[in-house]
Amino acid sequence: MLTQEQVKNIKWYRQSGAGIPLCIGLAYEACANAMFYYTGFRLPVMGLFMKTPEGFSFYNYFDYSKITKQLDLVLAKFTQDPDFYAGLAHDLQVSRHKIESFGRQMLDSKVGSPEFTQVYGSFLENAWRCWGDSLFLDLYDPFEDKIMDFVFGELKQPLKKQDLTTLTTPDSMTYQQKQQKDLLAVYNKAVVSGLTQDVKVDLQKMSDQYYWLKNDFEVLQYLDEAYFEDQLKQLLSDGDLAKAIKTNLERFVYLLKEKSTLISSLNLSRDVQDRLAFVNWTAELRDERKRCTQISNYYVYQAIVKIAQELNLDLEWLKYALPSELPSVIQGGKQVKQVIDQRYGLGMVMEILEDDSFETASGATAQEYLTIMEGLFQMGDIRGSTGAMGRVTGRAKVVLSQSDFEKFQKGDILIAPMTRPEYVPLMKLASAIVTDEGGITCHAAIVSRELGIPCVIGTQIATKTLKDGDMIEVNANHGIVKIIK
């Protein structure tokens, strides 16, 4: 493992968020066990997860020099074999279906039985496969300029920033949009007929399809028919909510038309259009990965709930286990118990090496690494990339996890490490969005364009520098965020 002195001399790209070690561990272990095997790419990372007074947090640090080389391989692979990525997407879809199937079987099996052990192993293999097929997407975020050069390098004149945001609009709806479209269709039916049995069947179908939508790496819940019925009743009691959904969906259609018109006016070559389509498609694959991740997180968490209940173990203690360690926990292994004990209440640092092996350290040592690594990101001018154009002034609200959602009010400026589908209700209330991480095709950039609000992404330090209540100006046209008072 890199020494604490060595890490000080490396230029890092930083990710962070809220998440329990068990769920974050799925991604870490996939880096070591699956990514290179399935794709030929690597994502060397220094990862930490820690327990704080507010909850669990994770931190990922990528060495710029190493991930630059990996991104070059990703882009070169498209040039050599464009169909390769379609194969990864297909395999991810297959594995996602298997995760759900094995997950349900796992929850119906007795902990410690041969069936549970076999089914859990199959579940874990497919969860790693989903991550392994798609971890290359994390290489995109720090390198917007490099990716835009890859797409548009042969153009004789540079594109305007507004043109870039328009051209990088994905061609397909996100799952959040699809859910809203389906809900609106049920609403239109219920306005005419009321809450009939036919409507309730539609709501159950929505639960079957979108039960995972509000999950992340820490909050894991199943959205049942009652949840979507409550959503429907809110629309029926307030027609403006339904109008807002319709407006957002219409804006997506408008953005696609604007993109098509711009492509025609620019007279882009076929090669440029193909590379642009590939980059936009990776945003869709990222959304598909979110689906797979949120489903696998749900089932691996339900697995430790079941293990805790049947074996009379502490659920909070089990949250510190890595997914691959659960079979040994079930067997009562003393060594794995000692390892988890060292992490319990504190955390762990894991380094994924370039040969796909990994090394770990726990407890106080992990805290020492975190202090050093975070100290490398000095607070100062907040600059990033343009996710969506615009300029606005407002009050900052720093939202690190779902536990912070309640403090957010309409008109606040959302400051977050990154956004995911569960953030969308807040994003609809926000006057602007600023994130620590993300690239031009990340979730925050895409949703902010759909909502028509300014967005600055990839600042690295926004959540460290800004505080709740700060009056700030977000100038997304130039990627600058300023504290006014």
Protein backbone atom coordinates (compact mmCIF):
# COMPACT_ATOMS: atom_id res chain seq x y z
CA MET A 1 0.00 0.00 0.00
CA LEU A 2 1.16 3.54 -0.71
CA THR A 3 2.65 5.10 2.38
CA GLN A 4 1.14 8.21 3.90
CA GLU A 5 4.12 10.18 2.60
CA GLN A 6 3.74 8.83 -0.94
CA VAL A 7 0.11 9.89 -1.25
CA LYS A 8 1.09 13.51 -0.61
CA ASN A 9 3.03 13.66 -3.89
CA ILE A 10 0.24 12.43 -6.16
CA LYS A 11 -2.38 14.47 -7.98
CA TRP A 12 -5.73 12.93 -7.09
CA TYR A 13 -9.27 13.07 -8.41
CA ARG A 14 -11.74 12.74 -5.57
CA GLN A 15 -15.18 11.16 -5.19
CA SER A 16 -17.20 11.01 -1.99
CA GLY A 17 -20.66 10.29 -0.69
CA ALA A 18 -22.74 8.50 1.89
CA GLY A 19 -22.64 4.72 1.96
CA ILE A 20 -22.24 1.73 4.24
CA PRO A 21 -19.03 -0.33 3.82
CA LEU A 22 -20.98 -3.41 2.69
CA CYS A 23 -22.48 -1.65 -0.35
CA ILE A 24 -19.36 0.34 -1.25
CA GLY A 25 -17.48 -2.94 -0.92
CA LEU A 26 -19.38 -4.37 -3.91
CA ALA A 27 -17.71 -1.77 -6.14
CA TYR A 28 -14.27 -2.08 -4.53
CA GLU A 29 -14.24 -5.85 -4.85
CA ALA A 30 -15.47 -5.63 -8.44
CA CYS A 31 -12.47 -3.39 -9.23
CA ALA A 32 -10.19 -6.19 -8.12
CA ASN A 33 -12.21 -9.26 -9.12
CA ALA A 34 -14.10 -8.41 -12.29
CA MET A 35 -13.25 -5.20 -14.15
CA PHE A 36 -10.08 -6.25 -15.97
CA TYR A 37 -11.38 -9.77 -16.61
CA TYR A 38 -14.49 -8.50 -18.42
CA THR A 39 -13.22 -5.31 -20.06
CA GLY A 40 -9.44 -5.22 -20.13
CA PHE A 41 -9.54 -1.88 -18.29
CA ARG A 42 -8.51 -1.07 -14.73
CA LEU A 43 -9.53 1.51 -12.16
CA PRO A 44 -6.73 1.74 -9.60
CA VAL A 45 -8.22 3.50 -6.58
CA MET A 46 -7.45 4.40 -3.00
CA GLY A 47 -10.79 3.94 -1.27
CA LEU A 48 -11.89 4.67 2.28
CA PHE A 49 -15.11 4.24 4.18
CA MET A 50 -15.53 5.83 7.56
CA LYS A 51 -18.12 6.17 10.30
CA THR A 52 -18.86 9.77 11.22
CA PRO A 53 -21.37 11.29 13.68
CA GLU A 54 -23.65 11.94 10.68
CA GLY A 55 -23.44 8.39 9.32
CA PHE A 56 -21.27 6.39 6.94
CA SER A 57 -19.14 8.15 4.32
CA PHE A 58 -16.95 6.85 1.51
CA TYR A 59 -14.07 8.52 -0.30
CA ASN A 60 -12.47 7.39 -3.57
CA TYR A 61 -9.18 8.84 -4.81
CA PHE A 62 -7.88 8.24 -8.33
CA ASP A 63 -4.32 8.97 -9.45
CA TYR A 64 -4.68 11.23 -12.52
CA SER A 65 -1.59 9.81 -14.21
CA LYS A 66 -2.89 6.24 -13.98
CA ILE A 67 -6.51 6.83 -14.95
CA THR A 68 -5.48 9.01 -17.92
CA LYS A 69 -3.80 5.95 -19.44
CA GLN A 70 -6.88 3.83 -18.80
CA LEU A 71 -9.18 6.40 -20.44
CA ASP A 72 -6.94 6.34 -23.51
CA LEU A 73 -7.53 2.58 -23.69
CA VAL A 74 -11.30 3.05 -23.36
CA LEU A 75 -11.47 5.55 -26.21
CA ALA A 76 -9.08 3.56 -28.40
CA LYS A 77 -11.25 0.47 -27.90
CA PHE A 78 -14.24 2.29 -29.36
CA THR A 79 -12.23 3.21 -32.44
CA GLN A 80 -11.06 -0.37 -32.86
CA ASP A 81 -14.24 -2.24 -31.92
CA PRO A 82 -17.40 -0.14 -31.36
CA ASP A 83 -19.56 -3.24 -30.84
CA PHE A 84 -17.51 -4.17 -27.76
CA TYR A 85 -19.47 -1.72 -25.61
CA ALA A 86 -22.85 -2.95 -26.82
CA GLY A 87 -21.74 -6.37 -25.61
CA LEU A 88 -20.92 -4.96 -22.16
CA ALA A 89 -24.36 -3.33 -21.96
CA HIS A 90 -26.05 -6.60 -22.91
CA ASP A 91 -24.07 -8.55 -20.32
CA LEU A 92 -24.90 -5.96 -17.66
CA GLN A 93 -28.61 -6.35 -18.42
CA VAL A 94 -28.37 -10.14 -18.19
CA SER A 95 -26.55 -9.92 -14.88
CA ARG A 96 -29.09 -7.43 -13.51
CA HIS A 97 -31.93 -9.89 -14.15
CA LYS A 98 -29.91 -12.63 -12.45
CA ILE A 99 -29.24 -10.39 -9.45
CA GLU A 100 -32.96 -9.95 -8.91
CA SER A 101 -33.65 -13.66 -9.36
CA PHE A 102 -30.84 -14.82 -7.08
CA GLY A 103 -31.64 -12.05 -4.61
CA ARG A 104 -35.21 -13.27 -4.19
CA GLN A 105 -34.04 -16.88 -3.86
CA MET A 106 -31.47 -15.84 -1.28
CA LEU A 107 -34.08 -14.17 0.90
CA ASP A 108 -36.22 -17.31 0.73
CA SER A 109 -33.35 -19.60 1.83
CA LYS A 110 -32.19 -20.45 5.33
CA VAL A 111 -28.91 -18.79 6.30
CA GLY A 112 -26.14 -21.38 6.47
CA SER A 113 -27.90 -23.86 4.20
CA PRO A 114 -26.15 -25.11 1.04
CA GLU A 115 -28.86 -23.38 -1.01
CA PHE A 116 -28.21 -19.99 0.62
CA THR A 117 -24.46 -20.34 0.13
CA GLN A 118 -24.82 -21.31 -3.53
CA VAL A 119 -27.39 -18.63 -4.36
CA TYR A 120 -25.45 -15.91 -2.53
CA GLY A 121 -22.31 -16.84 -4.47
CA SER A 122 -24.22 -16.51 -7.76
CA PHE A 123 -25.73 -13.21 -6.65
CA LEU A 124 -22.30 -11.83 -5.74
CA GLU A 125 -20.73 -12.98 -9.01
CA ASN A 126 -23.40 -11.12 -11.01
CA ALA A 127 -23.22 -7.99 -8.85
CA TRP A 128 -19.48 -7.87 -9.51
CA ARG A 129 -20.19 -8.43 -13.20
CA CYS A 130 -22.49 -5.39 -13.37
CA TRP A 131 -19.84 -3.23 -11.75
CA GLY A 132 -17.01 -4.80 -13.73
CA ASP A 133 -18.75 -4.14 -17.05
CA SER A 134 -19.35 -0.47 -16.25
CA LEU A 135 -16.62 0.84 -13.93
CA PHE A 136 -14.85 2.33 -16.94
CA LEU A 137 -17.52 5.07 -16.83
CA ASP A 138 -15.80 6.54 -13.76
CA LEU A 139 -12.80 7.32 -15.94
CA TYR A 140 -14.83 9.93 -17.85
CA ASP A 141 -15.62 12.46 -15.14
CA PRO A 142 -12.24 14.22 -14.69
CA PHE A 143 -11.49 14.49 -18.40
CA GLU A 144 -14.18 16.55 -20.12
CA ASP A 145 -11.69 18.36 -22.38
CA LYS A 146 -10.01 15.11 -23.40
CA ILE A 147 -13.34 13.48 -24.26
CA MET A 148 -14.58 16.50 -26.21
CA ASP A 149 -11.31 16.48 -28.17
CA PHE A 150 -11.90 12.81 -28.92
CA VAL A 151 -15.39 13.59 -30.25
CA PHE A 152 -14.90 16.93 -32.01
CA GLY A 153 -11.16 17.12 -32.58
CA GLU A 154 -11.43 17.43 -36.36
CA LEU A 155 -13.80 20.41 -36.33
CA LYS A 156 -12.24 23.49 -37.85
CA GLN A 157 -13.81 25.93 -35.39
CA PRO A 158 -14.46 25.41 -31.66
CA LEU A 159 -17.99 24.84 -30.44
CA LYS A 160 -19.76 27.21 -28.10
CA LYS A 161 -20.24 25.94 -24.57
CA GLN A 162 -24.02 26.02 -25.02
CA ASP A 163 -23.62 23.86 -28.14
CA LEU A 164 -21.60 21.31 -26.18
CA THR A 165 -24.28 20.95 -23.51
CA THR A 166 -26.94 20.58 -26.19
CA LEU A 167 -24.99 18.00 -28.19
CA THR A 168 -24.27 15.87 -25.11
CA THR A 169 -27.95 15.44 -24.24
CA PRO A 170 -28.66 11.67 -24.07
CA ASP A 171 -31.07 10.30 -26.65
CA SER A 172 -33.09 8.25 -24.14
CA MET A 173 -35.03 9.13 -21.01
CA THR A 174 -33.53 8.36 -17.63
CA TYR A 175 -35.30 5.84 -15.42
CA GLN A 176 -36.50 8.73 -13.27
CA GLN A 177 -38.16 10.28 -16.34
CA LYS A 178 -39.63 6.94 -17.40
CA GLN A 179 -41.14 6.51 -13.93
CA GLN A 180 -42.62 10.01 -14.06
CA LYS A 181 -44.01 9.35 -17.55
CA ASP A 182 -45.63 6.11 -16.35
CA LEU A 183 -47.04 7.86 -13.27
CA LEU A 184 -48.52 10.59 -15.45
CA ALA A 185 -50.21 7.94 -17.62
CA VAL A 186 -51.76 6.35 -14.51
CA TYR A 187 -52.81 9.82 -13.32
CA ASN A 188 -54.59 10.52 -16.61
CA LYS A 189 -56.47 7.24 -16.23
CA ALA A 190 -57.35 7.90 -12.56
CA VAL A 191 -58.66 11.41 -13.32
CA VAL A 192 -61.34 9.77 -15.44
CA SER A 193 -62.05 6.54 -13.55
CA GLY A 194 -60.73 7.08 -10.00
CA LEU A 195 -58.70 4.53 -8.02
CA THR A 196 -60.15 1.50 -9.77
CA GLN A 197 -58.74 -2.00 -9.62
CA ASP A 198 -57.26 -1.41 -13.07
CA VAL A 199 -55.39 1.63 -11.75
CA LYS A 200 -54.12 -0.35 -8.76
CA VAL A 201 -52.80 -3.03 -11.12
CA ASP A 202 -50.86 -0.28 -12.93
CA LEU A 203 -49.46 0.92 -9.60
CA GLN A 204 -48.30 -2.59 -8.74
CA LYS A 205 -46.56 -2.78 -12.12
CA MET A 206 -44.80 0.47 -11.28
CA SER A 207 -43.62 -1.02 -8.00
CA ASP A 208 -42.35 -4.13 -9.79
CA GLN A 209 -40.39 -1.96 -12.23
CA TYR A 210 -39.19 0.92 -10.02
CA TYR A 211 -39.05 -0.44 -6.45
CA TRP A 212 -35.34 0.38 -6.30
CA LEU A 213 -35.51 4.00 -7.49
CA LYS A 214 -34.81 5.79 -4.18
CA ASN A 215 -32.00 3.51 -3.03
CA ASP A 216 -28.38 4.58 -2.75
CA PHE A 217 -25.35 3.17 -0.91
CA GLU A 218 -26.83 3.81 2.54
CA VAL A 219 -30.63 4.06 2.36
CA LEU A 220 -32.16 0.82 1.10
CA GLN A 221 -35.92 0.53 0.77
CA TYR A 222 -38.52 -1.20 -1.37
CA LEU A 223 -41.04 1.13 -3.02
CA ASP A 224 -44.28 -0.86 -2.89
CA GLU A 225 -47.69 -0.26 -4.44
CA ALA A 226 -48.70 1.92 -1.47
CA TYR A 227 -45.80 4.28 -2.16
CA PHE A 228 -46.85 4.84 -5.77
CA GLU A 229 -50.50 5.13 -4.74
CA ASP A 230 -49.47 7.94 -2.41
CA GLN A 231 -47.60 9.58 -5.30
CA LEU A 232 -50.73 9.31 -7.44
CA LYS A 233 -52.93 10.82 -4.72
CA GLN A 234 -50.58 13.79 -4.47
CA LEU A 235 -51.04 14.43 -8.19
CA LEU A 236 -54.80 14.05 -7.92
CA SER A 237 -54.94 16.56 -5.07
CA ASP A 238 -52.63 19.07 -6.77
CA GLY A 239 -52.95 19.32 -10.53
CA ASP A 240 -49.91 21.62 -10.70
CA LEU A 241 -47.67 18.65 -9.83
CA ALA A 242 -48.97 16.75 -12.85
CA LYS A 243 -48.46 19.82 -15.03
CA ALA A 244 -44.85 20.09 -13.81
CA ILE A 245 -44.18 16.46 -14.81
CA LYS A 246 -45.70 17.08 -18.23
CA THR A 247 -43.59 20.23 -18.66
CA ASN A 248 -40.37 18.39 -17.78
CA LEU A 249 -41.15 15.60 -20.23
CA GLU A 250 -41.94 18.13 -22.95
CA ARG A 251 -38.65 19.88 -22.26
CA PHE A 252 -36.80 16.59 -22.85
CA VAL A 253 -38.46 16.28 -26.27
CA TYR A 254 -37.56 19.90 -26.99
CA LEU A 255 -33.90 19.27 -26.08
CA LEU A 256 -33.74 16.32 -28.46
CA LYS A 257 -35.18 18.42 -31.29
CA GLU A 258 -32.72 21.21 -30.50
CA LYS A 259 -29.88 18.69 -30.56
CA SER A 260 -31.01 17.22 -33.91
CA THR A 261 -31.27 20.69 -35.45
CA LEU A 262 -27.83 21.66 -34.19
CA ILE A 263 -26.22 18.49 -35.55
CA SER A 264 -27.72 19.22 -38.96
CA SER A 265 -26.60 22.86 -38.94
CA LEU A 266 -23.04 21.95 -37.97
CA ASN A 267 -22.80 19.42 -40.79
CA LEU A 268 -20.91 16.99 -38.56
CA SER A 269 -19.07 14.17 -40.27
CA ARG A 270 -20.23 10.59 -39.76
CA ASP A 271 -17.16 9.84 -37.63
CA VAL A 272 -17.90 12.79 -35.32
CA GLN A 273 -21.56 11.80 -35.05
CA ASP A 274 -20.57 8.22 -34.20
CA ARG A 275 -18.16 9.35 -31.48
CA LEU A 276 -20.75 11.78 -30.11
CA ALA A 277 -23.38 9.03 -30.06
CA PHE A 278 -20.97 6.80 -28.16
CA VAL A 279 -20.25 9.42 -25.49
CA ASN A 280 -23.97 10.17 -25.11
CA TRP A 281 -24.73 6.47 -24.91
CA THR A 282 -22.33 6.10 -22.00
CA ALA A 283 -24.61 8.47 -20.05
CA GLU A 284 -27.45 6.04 -20.68
CA LEU A 285 -25.25 3.14 -19.60
CA ARG A 286 -24.45 5.07 -16.41
CA ASP A 287 -28.19 5.28 -15.69
CA GLU A 288 -28.50 1.55 -16.35
CA ARG A 289 -25.65 0.93 -13.92
CA LYS A 290 -27.45 3.00 -11.29
CA ARG A 291 -30.41 0.67 -11.68
CA CYS A 292 -28.20 -2.40 -11.31
CA THR A 293 -26.33 -0.87 -8.36
CA GLN A 294 -29.45 0.17 -6.47
CA ILE A 295 -30.97 -3.28 -6.92
CA SER A 296 -27.81 -5.15 -5.87
CA ASN A 297 -27.36 -2.82 -2.87
CA TYR A 298 -30.91 -3.57 -1.78
CA TYR A 299 -30.45 -7.33 -1.88
CA VAL A 300 -26.99 -7.45 -0.29
CA TYR A 301 -28.34 -5.28 2.53
CA GLN A 302 -31.37 -7.55 2.95
CA ALA A 303 -28.90 -10.44 3.12
CA ILE A 304 -27.20 -9.01 6.23
CA VAL A 305 -30.58 -8.20 7.78
CA LYS A 306 -31.48 -11.87 7.33
CA ILE A 307 -28.09 -13.04 8.63
CA ALA A 308 -28.35 -10.79 11.68
CA GLN A 309 -31.83 -12.08 12.51
CA GLU A 310 -31.17 -15.78 11.99
CA LEU A 311 -27.70 -15.89 13.58
CA ASN A 312 -28.37 -13.27 16.27
CA LEU A 313 -25.58 -10.97 15.07
CA ASP A 314 -25.35 -7.19 15.38
CA LEU A 315 -26.66 -5.60 12.18
CA GLU A 316 -24.53 -2.48 12.66
CA TRP A 317 -21.44 -4.68 12.96
CA LEU A 318 -22.37 -6.54 9.78
CA LYS A 319 -22.47 -3.28 7.82
CA TYR A 320 -18.67 -3.22 8.09
CA ALA A 321 -18.27 -6.59 6.34
CA LEU A 322 -17.17 -6.78 2.73
CA PRO A 323 -19.61 -8.78 0.58
CA SER A 324 -17.08 -11.58 -0.01
CA GLU A 325 -16.65 -11.99 3.76
CA LEU A 326 -20.28 -12.89 4.52
CA PRO A 327 -19.89 -16.67 3.88
CA SER A 328 -17.05 -16.77 6.44
CA VAL A 329 -19.15 -14.73 8.87
CA ILE A 330 -21.97 -17.26 8.52
CA GLN A 331 -19.53 -20.11 9.21
CA GLY A 332 -18.40 -18.36 12.39
CA GLY A 333 -14.83 -17.77 11.25
CA LYS A 334 -12.75 -16.15 13.97
CA GLN A 335 -10.31 -14.48 11.60
CA VAL A 336 -12.99 -12.62 9.65
CA LYS A 337 -14.60 -11.54 12.92
CA GLN A 338 -11.32 -10.04 14.10
CA VAL A 339 -10.89 -8.19 10.79
CA ILE A 340 -14.39 -6.68 10.99
CA ASP A 341 -13.86 -5.81 14.65
CA GLN A 342 -10.88 -3.68 13.62
CA ARG A 343 -13.07 -1.69 11.23
CA TYR A 344 -16.10 -1.47 13.48
CA GLY A 345 -16.95 2.07 14.54
CA LEU A 346 -14.04 3.49 12.54
CA GLY A 347 -13.47 2.39 8.98
CA MET A 348 -11.08 0.97 6.42
CA VAL A 349 -8.74 2.08 3.66
CA MET A 350 -8.36 -0.16 0.61
CA GLU A 351 -5.95 0.29 -2.27
CA ILE A 352 -6.72 -1.49 -5.54
CA LEU A 353 -3.35 -2.12 -7.13
CA GLU A 354 -2.51 -2.18 -10.82
CA ASP A 355 -2.28 -5.98 -10.82
CA ASP A 356 -5.90 -6.16 -9.48
CA SER A 357 -4.87 -7.27 -6.02
CA PHE A 358 -5.74 -5.09 -3.05
CA GLU A 359 -4.36 -4.18 0.34
CA THR A 360 -6.24 -2.87 3.34
CA ALA A 361 -5.74 -1.15 6.68
CA SER A 362 -8.38 -0.51 9.32
CA GLY A 363 -9.25 1.57 12.34
CA ALA A 364 -7.04 4.49 13.32
CA THR A 365 -4.76 3.95 10.31
CA ALA A 366 -7.67 4.53 7.96
CA GLN A 367 -8.48 7.77 9.77
CA GLU A 368 -4.89 8.92 9.35
CA TYR A 369 -5.04 8.31 5.59
CA LEU A 370 -8.35 10.19 5.35
CA THR A 371 -6.95 13.21 7.19
CA ILE A 372 -3.93 13.36 4.86
CA MET A 373 -5.89 12.78 1.66
CA GLU A 374 -8.61 15.33 2.45
CA GLY A 375 -5.93 17.82 3.44
CA LEU A 376 -4.64 17.73 -0.13
CA PHE A 377 -7.87 19.35 -1.34
CA GLN A 378 -7.49 22.90 -0.10
CA MET A 379 -10.50 25.17 0.14
CA GLY A 380 -10.31 28.11 -2.24
CA ASP A 381 -11.81 29.32 -5.51
CA ILE A 382 -14.64 27.06 -6.59
CA ARG A 383 -14.36 26.24 -10.28
CA GLY A 384 -15.71 23.41 -12.35
CA SER A 385 -17.24 22.49 -15.68
CA THR A 386 -20.55 23.64 -17.10
CA GLY A 387 -23.27 21.05 -16.65
CA ALA A 388 -26.03 23.41 -17.78
CA MET A 389 -25.82 27.08 -18.70
CA GLY A 390 -27.15 29.92 -16.57
CA ARG A 391 -26.40 32.30 -13.74
CA VAL A 392 -28.20 32.59 -10.41
CA THR A 393 -27.76 33.85 -6.86
CA GLY A 394 -29.14 32.05 -3.83
CA ARG A 395 -28.57 30.30 -0.51
CA ALA A 396 -26.35 27.23 -0.45
CA LYS A 397 -27.53 24.00 1.15
CA VAL A 398 -24.94 21.24 1.49
CA VAL A 399 -26.60 17.84 1.04
CA LEU A 400 -24.26 14.92 1.70
CA SER A 401 -26.87 12.17 2.11
CA GLN A 402 -30.61 11.53 2.22
CA SER A 403 -30.58 12.46 5.91
CA ASP A 404 -29.96 16.07 4.77
CA PHE A 405 -32.94 16.19 2.41
CA GLU A 406 -35.39 17.69 4.91
CA LYS A 407 -33.44 20.95 5.29
CA PHE A 408 -33.68 21.75 1.57
CA GLN A 409 -36.18 24.43 0.55
CA LYS A 410 -37.47 25.67 -2.79
CA GLY A 411 -35.02 28.12 -4.34
CA ASP A 412 -31.96 26.83 -2.44
CA ILE A 413 -28.81 26.01 -4.38
CA LEU A 414 -28.02 22.31 -4.09
CA ILE A 415 -24.41 21.59 -3.10
CA ALA A 416 -23.64 17.85 -3.24
CA PRO A 417 -20.77 15.42 -3.78
CA MET A 418 -22.74 14.07 -6.74
CA THR A 419 -26.41 13.50 -7.53
CA ARG A 420 -28.30 10.28 -8.12
CA PRO A 421 -31.98 9.52 -8.89
CA GLU A 422 -32.98 9.90 -5.24
CA TYR A 423 -31.83 13.55 -5.40
CA VAL A 424 -34.30 14.46 -8.17
CA PRO A 425 -37.08 15.80 -5.87
CA LEU A 426 -34.53 18.26 -4.43
CA MET A 427 -33.20 19.14 -7.87
CA LYS A 428 -36.70 20.14 -8.92
CA LEU A 429 -36.79 22.62 -6.03
CA ALA A 430 -33.26 23.95 -6.59
CA SER A 431 -32.41 27.20 -8.34
CA ALA A 432 -28.98 25.77 -9.27
CA ILE A 433 -26.79 22.72 -8.67
CA VAL A 434 -23.09 22.50 -7.76
CA THR A 435 -21.24 19.19 -7.34
CA ASP A 436 -17.79 18.01 -6.31
CA GLU A 437 -17.55 15.47 -9.09
CA GLY A 438 -18.99 14.52 -12.43
CA GLY A 439 -18.46 15.17 -16.11
CA ILE A 440 -20.54 16.60 -18.92
CA THR A 441 -22.66 13.43 -19.17
CA CYS A 442 -23.13 12.87 -15.42
CA HIS A 443 -26.51 12.70 -13.67
CA ALA A 444 -26.38 16.28 -12.33
CA ALA A 445 -25.57 17.72 -15.77
CA ILE A 446 -28.30 15.78 -17.55
CA VAL A 447 -31.08 16.50 -15.04
CA SER A 448 -30.18 20.19 -14.71
CA ARG A 449 -30.55 20.60 -18.48
CA GLU A 450 -33.94 18.90 -18.34
CA LEU A 451 -35.00 21.28 -15.56
CA GLY A 452 -33.46 24.33 -17.20
CA ILE A 453 -31.37 25.38 -14.19
CA PRO A 454 -27.65 26.31 -13.96
CA CYS A 455 -25.24 23.56 -12.97
CA VAL A 456 -21.51 23.52 -12.21
CA ILE A 457 -19.92 20.08 -11.90
CA GLY A 458 -16.54 18.66 -10.94
CA THR A 459 -15.47 21.40 -8.50
CA GLN A 460 -13.86 18.81 -6.15
CA ILE A 461 -14.18 21.17 -3.15
CA ALA A 462 -17.70 22.67 -3.13
CA THR A 463 -18.99 20.57 -0.23
CA LYS A 464 -15.80 21.28 1.74
CA THR A 465 -15.79 25.04 1.09
CA LEU A 466 -19.46 26.05 1.23
CA LYS A 467 -21.70 26.05 4.30
CA ASP A 468 -25.45 26.01 4.73
CA GLY A 469 -26.84 29.51 4.36
CA ASP A 470 -23.93 30.97 2.39
CA MET A 471 -25.20 33.44 -0.20
CA ILE A 472 -23.49 32.40 -3.42
CA GLU A 473 -23.49 33.21 -7.10
CA VAL A 474 -23.41 30.30 -9.52
CA ASN A 475 -22.11 31.38 -12.91
CA ALA A 476 -22.43 28.15 -14.83
CA ASN A 477 -21.62 29.91 -18.11
CA HIS A 478 -18.02 30.14 -16.90
CA GLY A 479 -18.00 27.28 -14.34
CA ILE A 480 -17.47 29.62 -11.37
CA VAL A 481 -19.09 29.68 -7.93
CA LYS A 482 -18.52 32.72 -5.67
CA ILE A 483 -19.42 33.34 -2.03
CA ILE A 484 -21.13 36.72 -1.77
CA LYS A 485 -21.63 36.71 1.99
